[in-house]
Amino acid sequence: MSKFDHTEIDDVIHGRLRLGIMAYLSTVSPAPFVELKAKVNATDGNLSTHLSKLEEAEYVRIEKTFAGKKPLTLVHLTKQGRAAWIAYLNRIQTLLNAAE
């Protein structure tokens, strides 16, 4: 792999909203859906769409439960998701270093 190879960037993570989701979940996991929505400044539908992409890649796991009688959706960063996040950050760092 050459130092400057942008084709190795994980397209699942690289979208702006998915990048924000992964960054937040790397520090707070699980995160309640409503908290995550506020942190990444997304609508319910937009966040759901992007979480579905991350879930298909097995980077996140969605847990639907209840807090008392209120529904509660928790978003977990999976082990595979954490590994993909670290690989993504390393790839970006390699590109930055190659640009020097």
PDB file of N, CA and C in Angstrom:
ATOM      1  N   MET A   1       0.853  -1.172   0.000  1.00  0.00           N
ATOM      2  CA  MET A   1       0.000   0.000   0.000  1.00  0.00           C
ATOM      3  C   MET A   1       0.900   1.237   0.000  1.00  0.00           C
ATOM      4  N   SER A   2       0.716   2.122  -0.960  1.00  0.00           N
ATOM      5  CA  SER A   2       1.522   3.337  -1.014  1.00  0.00           C
ATOM      6  C   SER A   2       1.072   4.283   0.091  1.00  0.00           C
ATOM      7  N   LYS A   3       1.962   5.195   0.451  1.00  0.00           N
ATOM      8  CA  LYS A   3       1.625   6.133   1.519  1.00  0.00           C
ATOM      9  C   LYS A   3       0.415   6.987   1.170  1.00  0.00           C
ATOM     10  N   PHE A   4       0.344   7.439  -0.068  1.00  0.00           N
ATOM     11  CA  PHE A   4      -0.775   8.290  -0.447  1.00  0.00           C
ATOM     12  C   PHE A   4      -1.752   7.488  -1.306  1.00  0.00           C
ATOM     13  N   ASP A   5      -2.649   6.794  -0.627  1.00  0.00           N
ATOM     14  CA  ASP A   5      -3.627   5.961  -1.319  1.00  0.00           C
ATOM     15  C   ASP A   5      -5.003   6.218  -0.708  1.00  0.00           C
ATOM     16  N   HIS A   6      -5.692   7.155  -1.279  1.00  0.00           N
ATOM     17  CA  HIS A   6      -7.016   7.531  -0.757  1.00  0.00           C
ATOM     18  C   HIS A   6      -8.062   6.450  -1.002  1.00  0.00           C
ATOM     19  N   THR A   7      -7.780   5.475  -1.853  1.00  0.00           N
ATOM     20  CA  THR A   7      -8.771   4.428  -2.148  1.00  0.00           C
ATOM     21  C   THR A   7      -8.965   3.475  -0.979  1.00  0.00           C
ATOM     22  N   GLU A   8      -8.083   3.534  -0.010  1.00  0.00           N
ATOM     23  CA  GLU A   8      -8.205   2.660   1.159  1.00  0.00           C
ATOM     24  C   GLU A   8      -9.128   3.228   2.238  1.00  0.00           C
ATOM     25  N   ILE A   9      -9.663   4.428   2.045  1.00  0.00           N
ATOM     26  CA  ILE A   9     -10.554   5.040   3.033  1.00  0.00           C
ATOM     27  C   ILE A   9     -11.874   4.280   3.060  1.00  0.00           C
ATOM     28  N   ASP A  10     -12.347   3.971   4.248  1.00  0.00           N
ATOM     29  CA  ASP A  10     -13.600   3.240   4.441  1.00  0.00           C
ATOM     30  C   ASP A  10     -14.776   4.146   4.095  1.00  0.00           C
ATOM     31  N   ASP A  11     -15.429   3.874   2.973  1.00  0.00           N
ATOM     32  CA  ASP A  11     -16.552   4.706   2.520  1.00  0.00           C
ATOM     33  C   ASP A  11     -17.761   4.639   3.450  1.00  0.00           C
ATOM     34  N   VAL A  12     -17.899   3.557   4.188  1.00  0.00           N
ATOM     35  CA  VAL A  12     -19.028   3.457   5.122  1.00  0.00           C
ATOM     36  C   VAL A  12     -18.878   4.505   6.217  1.00  0.00           C
ATOM     37  N   ILE A  13     -17.688   4.709   6.694  1.00  0.00           N
ATOM     38  CA  ILE A  13     -17.436   5.685   7.763  1.00  0.00           C
ATOM     39  C   ILE A  13     -17.292   7.099   7.214  1.00  0.00           C
ATOM     40  N   HIS A  14     -16.747   7.243   6.019  1.00  0.00           N
ATOM     41  CA  HIS A  14     -16.292   8.542   5.537  1.00  0.00           C
ATOM     42  C   HIS A  14     -17.382   9.593   5.309  1.00  0.00           C
ATOM     43  N   GLY A  15     -18.634   9.207   5.160  1.00  0.00           N
ATOM     44  CA  GLY A  15     -19.698  10.205   5.026  1.00  0.00           C
ATOM     45  C   GLY A  15     -19.744  11.097   6.259  1.00  0.00           C
ATOM     46  N   ARG A  16     -20.034  12.361   6.080  1.00  0.00           N
ATOM     47  CA  ARG A  16     -19.954  13.330   7.181  1.00  0.00           C
ATOM     48  C   ARG A  16     -20.761  12.912   8.407  1.00  0.00           C
ATOM     49  N   LEU A  17     -22.006  12.526   8.224  1.00  0.00           N
ATOM     50  CA  LEU A  17     -22.832  12.170   9.374  1.00  0.00           C
ATOM     51  C   LEU A  17     -22.360  10.860  10.007  1.00  0.00           C
ATOM     52  N   ARG A  18     -22.004   9.873   9.178  1.00  0.00           N
ATOM     53  CA  ARG A  18     -21.519   8.608   9.724  1.00  0.00           C
ATOM     54  C   ARG A  18     -20.187   8.801  10.445  1.00  0.00           C
ATOM     55  N   LEU A  19     -19.369   9.704   9.957  1.00  0.00           N
ATOM     56  CA  LEU A  19     -18.115  10.032  10.626  1.00  0.00           C
ATOM     57  C   LEU A  19     -18.397  10.590  12.020  1.00  0.00           C
ATOM     58  N   GLY A  20     -19.361  11.496  12.108  1.00  0.00           N
ATOM     59  CA  GLY A  20     -19.751  12.054  13.401  1.00  0.00           C
ATOM     60  C   GLY A  20     -20.308  11.004  14.340  1.00  0.00           C
ATOM     61  N   ILE A  21     -21.119  10.110  13.808  1.00  0.00           N
ATOM     62  CA  ILE A  21     -21.692   9.027  14.614  1.00  0.00           C
ATOM     63  C   ILE A  21     -20.575   8.159  15.187  1.00  0.00           C
ATOM     64  N   MET A  22     -19.655   7.743  14.329  1.00  0.00           N
ATOM     65  CA  MET A  22     -18.563   6.873  14.770  1.00  0.00           C
ATOM     66  C   MET A  22     -17.676   7.582  15.788  1.00  0.00           C
ATOM     67  N   ALA A  23     -17.381   8.862  15.553  1.00  0.00           N
ATOM     68  CA  ALA A  23     -16.544   9.622  16.483  1.00  0.00           C
ATOM     69  C   ALA A  23     -17.213   9.697  17.855  1.00  0.00           C
ATOM     70  N   TYR A  24     -18.510   9.994  17.868  1.00  0.00           N
ATOM     71  CA  TYR A  24     -19.204  10.105  19.150  1.00  0.00           C
ATOM     72  C   TYR A  24     -19.279   8.757  19.853  1.00  0.00           C
ATOM     73  N   LEU A  25     -19.637   7.719  19.102  1.00  0.00           N
ATOM     74  CA  LEU A  25     -19.748   6.393  19.713  1.00  0.00           C
ATOM     75  C   LEU A  25     -18.409   5.858  20.195  1.00  0.00           C
ATOM     76  N   SER A  26     -17.319   6.346  19.630  1.00  0.00           N
ATOM     77  CA  SER A  26     -16.011   5.883  20.090  1.00  0.00           C
ATOM     78  C   SER A  26     -15.708   6.379  21.502  1.00  0.00           C
ATOM     79  N   THR A  27     -16.441   7.391  21.940  1.00  0.00           N
ATOM     80  CA  THR A  27     -16.244   7.920  23.288  1.00  0.00           C
ATOM     81  C   THR A  27     -17.424   7.638  24.213  1.00  0.00           C
ATOM     82  N   VAL A  28     -18.603   7.420  23.636  1.00  0.00           N
ATOM     83  CA  VAL A  28     -19.816   7.167  24.424  1.00  0.00           C
ATOM     84  C   VAL A  28     -20.569   6.013  23.785  1.00  0.00           C
ATOM     85  N   SER A  29     -20.432   4.833  24.351  1.00  0.00           N
ATOM     86  CA  SER A  29     -21.156   3.692  23.797  1.00  0.00           C
ATOM     87  C   SER A  29     -21.613   2.814  24.945  1.00  0.00           C
ATOM     88  N   PRO A  30     -22.893   2.547  25.047  1.00  0.00           N
ATOM     89  CA  PRO A  30     -23.931   2.917  24.083  1.00  0.00           C
ATOM     90  C   PRO A  30     -24.383   4.357  24.275  1.00  0.00           C
ATOM     91  N   ALA A  31     -24.973   4.881  23.222  1.00  0.00           N
ATOM     92  CA  ALA A  31     -25.553   6.222  23.272  1.00  0.00           C
ATOM     93  C   ALA A  31     -27.034   6.118  22.962  1.00  0.00           C
ATOM     94  N   PRO A  32     -27.872   6.776  23.749  1.00  0.00           N
ATOM     95  CA  PRO A  32     -29.294   6.811  23.407  1.00  0.00           C
ATOM     96  C   PRO A  32     -29.492   7.514  22.063  1.00  0.00           C
ATOM     97  N   PHE A  33     -30.431   7.025  21.276  1.00  0.00           N
ATOM     98  CA  PHE A  33     -30.717   7.582  19.953  1.00  0.00           C
ATOM     99  C   PHE A  33     -30.933   9.087  20.026  1.00  0.00           C
ATOM    100  N   VAL A  34     -31.716   9.552  20.987  1.00  0.00           N
ATOM    101  CA  VAL A  34     -32.027  10.990  21.069  1.00  0.00           C
ATOM    102  C   VAL A  34     -30.783  11.815  21.386  1.00  0.00           C
ATOM    103  N   GLU A  35     -29.890  11.274  22.197  1.00  0.00           N
ATOM    104  CA  GLU A  35     -28.634  11.967  22.514  1.00  0.00           C
ATOM    105  C   GLU A  35     -27.738  12.025  21.279  1.00  0.00           C
ATOM    106  N   LEU A  36     -27.626  10.902  20.585  1.00  0.00           N
ATOM    107  CA  LEU A  36     -26.811  10.836  19.376  1.00  0.00           C
ATOM    108  C   LEU A  36     -27.350  11.785  18.313  1.00  0.00           C
ATOM    109  N   LYS A  37     -28.661  11.814  18.175  1.00  0.00           N
ATOM    110  CA  LYS A  37     -29.315  12.718  17.213  1.00  0.00           C
ATOM    111  C   LYS A  37     -28.937  14.173  17.497  1.00  0.00           C
ATOM    112  N   ALA A  38     -28.955  14.554  18.767  1.00  0.00           N
ATOM    113  CA  ALA A  38     -28.608  15.924  19.146  1.00  0.00           C
ATOM    114  C   ALA A  38     -27.125  16.208  18.906  1.00  0.00           C
ATOM    115  N   LYS A  39     -26.266  15.257  19.228  1.00  0.00           N
ATOM    116  CA  LYS A  39     -24.819  15.459  19.086  1.00  0.00           C
ATOM    117  C   LYS A  39     -24.399  15.630  17.634  1.00  0.00           C
ATOM    118  N   VAL A  40     -25.039  14.886  16.718  1.00  0.00           N
ATOM    119  CA  VAL A  40     -24.640  14.971  15.308  1.00  0.00           C
ATOM    120  C   VAL A  40     -25.563  15.882  14.503  1.00  0.00           C
ATOM    121  N   ASN A  41     -26.531  16.503  15.194  1.00  0.00           N
ATOM    122  CA  ASN A  41     -27.437  17.462  14.570  1.00  0.00           C
ATOM    123  C   ASN A  41     -28.163  16.865  13.356  1.00  0.00           C
ATOM    124  N   ALA A  42     -28.864  15.768  13.610  1.00  0.00           N
ATOM    125  CA  ALA A  42     -29.569  15.058  12.543  1.00  0.00           C
ATOM    126  C   ALA A  42     -31.057  14.960  12.850  1.00  0.00           C
ATOM    127  N   THR A  43     -31.835  14.678  11.826  1.00  0.00           N
ATOM    128  CA  THR A  43     -33.255  14.389  12.028  1.00  0.00           C
ATOM    129  C   THR A  43     -33.381  12.900  12.342  1.00  0.00           C
ATOM    130  N   ASP A  44     -34.540  12.510  12.845  1.00  0.00           N
ATOM    131  CA  ASP A  44     -34.784  11.094  13.136  1.00  0.00           C
ATOM    132  C   ASP A  44     -34.541  10.227  11.900  1.00  0.00           C
ATOM    133  N   GLY A  45     -35.148  10.625  10.786  1.00  0.00           N
ATOM    134  CA  GLY A  45     -35.057   9.834   9.560  1.00  0.00           C
ATOM    135  C   GLY A  45     -33.642   9.761   9.011  1.00  0.00           C
ATOM    136  N   ASN A  46     -32.946  10.896   9.013  1.00  0.00           N
ATOM    137  CA  ASN A  46     -31.584  10.928   8.501  1.00  0.00           C
ATOM    138  C   ASN A  46     -30.663  10.066   9.353  1.00  0.00           C
ATOM    139  N   LEU A  47     -30.780  10.189  10.665  1.00  0.00           N
ATOM    140  CA  LEU A  47     -29.950   9.394  11.561  1.00  0.00           C
ATOM    141  C   LEU A  47     -30.259   7.910  11.387  1.00  0.00           C
ATOM    142  N   SER A  48     -31.524   7.559  11.290  1.00  0.00           N
ATOM    143  CA  SER A  48     -31.917   6.155  11.102  1.00  0.00           C
ATOM    144  C   SER A  48     -31.315   5.574   9.832  1.00  0.00           C
ATOM    145  N   THR A  49     -31.339   6.351   8.753  1.00  0.00           N
ATOM    146  CA  THR A  49     -30.777   5.895   7.479  1.00  0.00           C
ATOM    147  C   THR A  49     -29.286   5.612   7.607  1.00  0.00           C
ATOM    148  N   HIS A  50     -28.564   6.513   8.233  1.00  0.00           N
ATOM    149  CA  HIS A  50     -27.116   6.335   8.373  1.00  0.00           C
ATOM    150  C   HIS A  50     -26.770   5.233   9.366  1.00  0.00           C
ATOM    151  N   LEU A  51     -27.567   5.099  10.413  1.00  0.00           N
ATOM    152  CA  LEU A  51     -27.341   4.000  11.351  1.00  0.00           C
ATOM    153  C   LEU A  51     -27.576   2.658  10.672  1.00  0.00           C
ATOM    154  N   SER A  52     -28.539   2.596   9.764  1.00  0.00           N
ATOM    155  CA  SER A  52     -28.789   1.355   9.026  1.00  0.00           C
ATOM    156  C   SER A  52     -27.566   0.949   8.217  1.00  0.00           C
ATOM    157  N   LYS A  53     -26.916   1.915   7.571  1.00  0.00           N
ATOM    158  CA  LYS A  53     -25.683   1.620   6.810  1.00  0.00           C
ATOM    159  C   LYS A  53     -24.594   1.094   7.728  1.00  0.00           C
ATOM    160  N   LEU A  54     -24.436   1.733   8.872  1.00  0.00           N
ATOM    161  CA  LEU A  54     -23.419   1.293   9.826  1.00  0.00           C
ATOM    162  C   LEU A  54     -23.774  -0.070  10.418  1.00  0.00           C
ATOM    163  N   GLU A  55     -25.055  -0.321  10.609  1.00  0.00           N
ATOM    164  CA  GLU A  55     -25.503  -1.606  11.135  1.00  0.00           C
ATOM    165  C   GLU A  55     -25.270  -2.722  10.104  1.00  0.00           C
ATOM    166  N   GLU A  56     -25.533  -2.438   8.838  1.00  0.00           N
ATOM    167  CA  GLU A  56     -25.283  -3.422   7.773  1.00  0.00           C
ATOM    168  C   GLU A  56     -23.804  -3.807   7.720  1.00  0.00           C
ATOM    169  N   ALA A  57     -22.930  -2.848   7.984  1.00  0.00           N
ATOM    170  CA  ALA A  57     -21.491  -3.106   7.992  1.00  0.00           C
ATOM    171  C   ALA A  57     -21.042  -3.751   9.309  1.00  0.00           C
ATOM    172  N   GLU A  58     -21.985  -3.912  10.238  1.00  0.00           N
ATOM    173  CA  GLU A  58     -21.743  -4.473  11.565  1.00  0.00           C
ATOM    174  C   GLU A  58     -20.820  -3.606  12.415  1.00  0.00           C
ATOM    175  N   TYR A  59     -20.875  -2.292  12.171  1.00  0.00           N
ATOM    176  CA  TYR A  59     -20.100  -1.333  12.955  1.00  0.00           C
ATOM    177  C   TYR A  59     -20.870  -0.872  14.189  1.00  0.00           C
ATOM    178  N   VAL A  60     -22.191  -0.929  14.128  1.00  0.00           N
ATOM    179  CA  VAL A  60     -23.015  -0.573  15.278  1.00  0.00           C
ATOM    180  C   VAL A  60     -24.067  -1.659  15.494  1.00  0.00           C
ATOM    181  N   ARG A  61     -24.568  -1.700  16.710  1.00  0.00           N
ATOM    182  CA  ARG A  61     -25.672  -2.590  17.058  1.00  0.00           C
ATOM    183  C   ARG A  61     -26.751  -1.729  17.694  1.00  0.00           C
ATOM    184  N   ILE A  62     -27.982  -1.916  17.240  1.00  0.00           N
ATOM    185  CA  ILE A  62     -29.118  -1.152  17.762  1.00  0.00           C
ATOM    186  C   ILE A  62     -29.860  -2.024  18.762  1.00  0.00           C
ATOM    187  N   GLU A  63     -30.111  -1.472  19.928  1.00  0.00           N
ATOM    188  CA  GLU A  63     -30.844  -2.181  20.974  1.00  0.00           C
ATOM    189  C   GLU A  63     -32.100  -1.385  21.303  1.00  0.00           C
ATOM    190  N   LYS A  64     -33.244  -2.028  21.161  1.00  0.00           N
ATOM    191  CA  LYS A  64     -34.513  -1.378  21.492  1.00  0.00           C
ATOM    192  C   LYS A  64     -35.016  -1.980  22.798  1.00  0.00           C
ATOM    193  N   THR A  65     -35.252  -1.089  23.753  1.00  0.00           N
ATOM    194  CA  THR A  65     -35.667  -1.516  25.080  1.00  0.00           C
ATOM    195  C   THR A  65     -36.642  -0.486  25.639  1.00  0.00           C
ATOM    196  N   PHE A  66     -36.899  -0.548  26.914  1.00  0.00           N
ATOM    197  CA  PHE A  66     -37.778   0.406  27.575  1.00  0.00           C
ATOM    198  C   PHE A  66     -37.112   0.952  28.823  1.00  0.00           C
ATOM    199  N   ALA A  67     -37.355   2.216  29.102  1.00  0.00           N
ATOM    200  CA  ALA A  67     -36.989   2.846  30.363  1.00  0.00           C
ATOM    201  C   ALA A  67     -38.316   3.124  31.045  1.00  0.00           C
ATOM    202  N   GLY A  68     -38.706   2.244  31.937  1.00  0.00           N
ATOM    203  CA  GLY A  68     -40.066   2.302  32.476  1.00  0.00           C
ATOM    204  C   GLY A  68     -41.016   1.914  31.365  1.00  0.00           C
ATOM    205  N   LYS A  69     -41.939   2.803  31.029  1.00  0.00           N
ATOM    206  CA  LYS A  69     -42.885   2.535  29.945  1.00  0.00           C
ATOM    207  C   LYS A  69     -42.510   3.249  28.654  1.00  0.00           C
ATOM    208  N   LYS A  70     -41.405   3.977  28.674  1.00  0.00           N
ATOM    209  CA  LYS A  70     -40.989   4.734  27.490  1.00  0.00           C
ATOM    210  C   LYS A  70     -40.003   3.909  26.659  1.00  0.00           C
ATOM    211  N   PRO A  71     -40.200   3.881  25.349  1.00  0.00           N
ATOM    212  CA  PRO A  71     -39.234   3.181  24.498  1.00  0.00           C
ATOM    213  C   PRO A  71     -37.870   3.876  24.535  1.00  0.00           C
ATOM    214  N   LEU A  72     -36.826   3.064  24.501  1.00  0.00           N
ATOM    215  CA  LEU A  72     -35.461   3.580  24.536  1.00  0.00           C
ATOM    216  C   LEU A  72     -34.642   2.816  23.500  1.00  0.00           C
ATOM    217  N   THR A  73     -34.035   3.554  22.584  1.00  0.00           N
ATOM    218  CA  THR A  73     -33.171   2.952  21.580  1.00  0.00           C
ATOM    219  C   THR A  73     -31.736   3.322  21.897  1.00  0.00           C
ATOM    220  N   LEU A  74     -30.912   2.306  22.077  1.00  0.00           N
ATOM    221  CA  LEU A  74     -29.491   2.505  22.362  1.00  0.00           C
ATOM    222  C   LEU A  74     -28.668   2.082  21.159  1.00  0.00           C
ATOM    223  N   VAL A  75     -27.634   2.842  20.873  1.00  0.00           N
ATOM    224  CA  VAL A  75     -26.742   2.539  19.755  1.00  0.00           C
ATOM    225  C   VAL A  75     -25.379   2.185  20.338  1.00  0.00           C
ATOM    226  N   HIS A  76     -24.934   0.973  20.040  1.00  0.00           N
ATOM    227  CA  HIS A  76     -23.658   0.462  20.534  1.00  0.00           C
ATOM    228  C   HIS A  76     -22.636   0.431  19.405  1.00  0.00           C
ATOM    229  N   LEU A  77     -21.410   0.817  19.687  1.00  0.00           N
ATOM    230  CA  LEU A  77     -20.314   0.610  18.758  1.00  0.00           C
ATOM    231  C   LEU A  77     -19.833  -0.825  18.976  1.00  0.00           C
ATOM    232  N   THR A  78     -19.797  -1.619  17.921  1.00  0.00           N
ATOM    233  CA  THR A  78     -19.375  -3.007  18.049  1.00  0.00           C
ATOM    234  C   THR A  78     -17.850  -3.103  18.083  1.00  0.00           C
ATOM    235  N   LYS A  79     -17.354  -4.282  18.424  1.00  0.00           N
ATOM    236  CA  LYS A  79     -15.915  -4.530  18.399  1.00  0.00           C
ATOM    237  C   LYS A  79     -15.381  -4.315  16.979  1.00  0.00           C
ATOM    238  N   GLN A  80     -16.120  -4.809  16.006  1.00  0.00           N
ATOM    239  CA  GLN A  80     -15.747  -4.631  14.600  1.00  0.00           C
ATOM    240  C   GLN A  80     -15.780  -3.145  14.217  1.00  0.00           C
ATOM    241  N   GLY A  81     -16.768  -2.426  14.735  1.00  0.00           N
ATOM    242  CA  GLY A  81     -16.874  -0.998  14.478  1.00  0.00           C
ATOM    243  C   GLY A  81     -15.710  -0.224  15.061  1.00  0.00           C
ATOM    244  N   ARG A  82     -15.299  -0.581  16.276  1.00  0.00           N
ATOM    245  CA  ARG A  82     -14.150   0.094  16.902  1.00  0.00           C
ATOM    246  C   ARG A  82     -12.882  -0.166  16.089  1.00  0.00           C
ATOM    247  N   ALA A  83     -12.705  -1.403  15.631  1.00  0.00           N
ATOM    248  CA  ALA A  83     -11.530  -1.736  14.812  1.00  0.00           C
ATOM    249  C   ALA A  83     -11.556  -0.949  13.500  1.00  0.00           C
ATOM    250  N   ALA A  84     -12.734  -0.843  12.886  1.00  0.00           N
ATOM    251  CA  ALA A  84     -12.861  -0.082  11.633  1.00  0.00           C
ATOM    252  C   ALA A  84     -12.581   1.397  11.882  1.00  0.00           C
ATOM    253  N   TRP A  85     -13.029   1.918  13.014  1.00  0.00           N
ATOM    254  CA  TRP A  85     -12.806   3.322  13.364  1.00  0.00           C
ATOM    255  C   TRP A  85     -11.307   3.600  13.520  1.00  0.00           C
ATOM    256  N   ILE A  86     -10.614   2.733  14.231  1.00  0.00           N
ATOM    257  CA  ILE A  86      -9.173   2.896  14.443  1.00  0.00           C
ATOM    258  C   ILE A  86      -8.434   2.784  13.108  1.00  0.00           C
ATOM    259  N   ALA A  87      -8.829   1.841  12.273  1.00  0.00           N
ATOM    260  CA  ALA A  87      -8.205   1.696  10.948  1.00  0.00           C
ATOM    261  C   ALA A  87      -8.451   2.947  10.106  1.00  0.00           C
ATOM    262  N   TYR A  88      -9.664   3.498  10.192  1.00  0.00           N
ATOM    263  CA  TYR A  88     -10.000   4.725   9.459  1.00  0.00           C
ATOM    264  C   TYR A  88      -9.085   5.871   9.905  1.00  0.00           C
ATOM    265  N   LEU A  89      -8.958   6.057  11.212  1.00  0.00           N
ATOM    266  CA  LEU A  89      -8.109   7.129  11.741  1.00  0.00           C
ATOM    267  C   LEU A  89      -6.652   6.938  11.310  1.00  0.00           C
ATOM    268  N   ASN A  90      -6.176   5.700  11.349  1.00  0.00           N
ATOM    269  CA  ASN A  90      -4.803   5.420  10.926  1.00  0.00           C
ATOM    270  C   ASN A  90      -4.609   5.735   9.444  1.00  0.00           C
ATOM    271  N   ARG A  91      -5.617   5.416   8.626  1.00  0.00           N
ATOM    272  CA  ARG A  91      -5.536   5.677   7.189  1.00  0.00           C
ATOM    273  C   ARG A  91      -5.478   7.187   6.930  1.00  0.00           C
ATOM    274  N   ILE A  92      -6.318   7.935   7.625  1.00  0.00           N
ATOM    275  CA  ILE A  92      -6.316   9.394   7.474  1.00  0.00           C
ATOM    276  C   ILE A  92      -4.963   9.961   7.918  1.00  0.00           C
ATOM    277  N   GLN A  93      -4.423   9.448   9.032  1.00  0.00           N
ATOM    278  CA  GLN A  93      -3.116   9.917   9.505  1.00  0.00           C
ATOM    279  C   GLN A  93      -2.031   9.625   8.474  1.00  0.00           C
ATOM    280  N   THR A  94      -2.085   8.466   7.842  1.00  0.00           N
ATOM    281  CA  THR A  94      -1.113   8.125   6.803  1.00  0.00           C
ATOM    282  C   THR A  94      -1.212   9.090   5.637  1.00  0.00           C
ATOM    283  N   LEU A  95      -2.431   9.441   5.240  1.00  0.00           N
ATOM    284  CA  LEU A  95      -2.604  10.406   4.150  1.00  0.00           C
ATOM    285  C   LEU A  95      -2.054  11.778   4.541  1.00  0.00           C
ATOM    286  N   LEU A  96      -2.314  12.181   5.760  1.00  0.00           N
ATOM    287  CA  LEU A  96      -1.791  13.476   6.237  1.00  0.00           C
ATOM    288  C   LEU A  96      -0.262  13.483   6.240  1.00  0.00           C
ATOM    289  N   ASN A  97       0.314  12.407   6.714  1.00  0.00           N
ATOM    290  CA  ASN A  97       1.774  12.313   6.760  1.00  0.00           C
ATOM    291  C   ASN A  97       2.368  12.315   5.358  1.00  0.00           C
ATOM    292  N   ALA A  98       1.697  11.681   4.412  1.00  0.00           N
ATOM    293  CA  ALA A  98       2.188  11.620   3.040  1.00  0.00           C
ATOM    294  C   ALA A  98       2.134  12.990   2.371  1.00  0.00           C
ATOM    295  N   ALA A  99       1.251  13.854   2.860  1.00  0.00           N
ATOM    296  CA  ALA A  99       1.100  15.181   2.260  1.00  0.00           C
ATOM    297  C   ALA A  99       2.171  16.152   2.743  1.00  0.00           C
ATOM    298  N   GLU A 100       2.918  15.773   3.739  1.00  0.00           N
ATOM    299  CA  GLU A 100       3.958  16.683   4.288  1.00  0.00           C
ATOM    300  C   GLU A 100       5.147  16.791   3.376  1.00  0.00           C
TER     301      GLU A 100
END
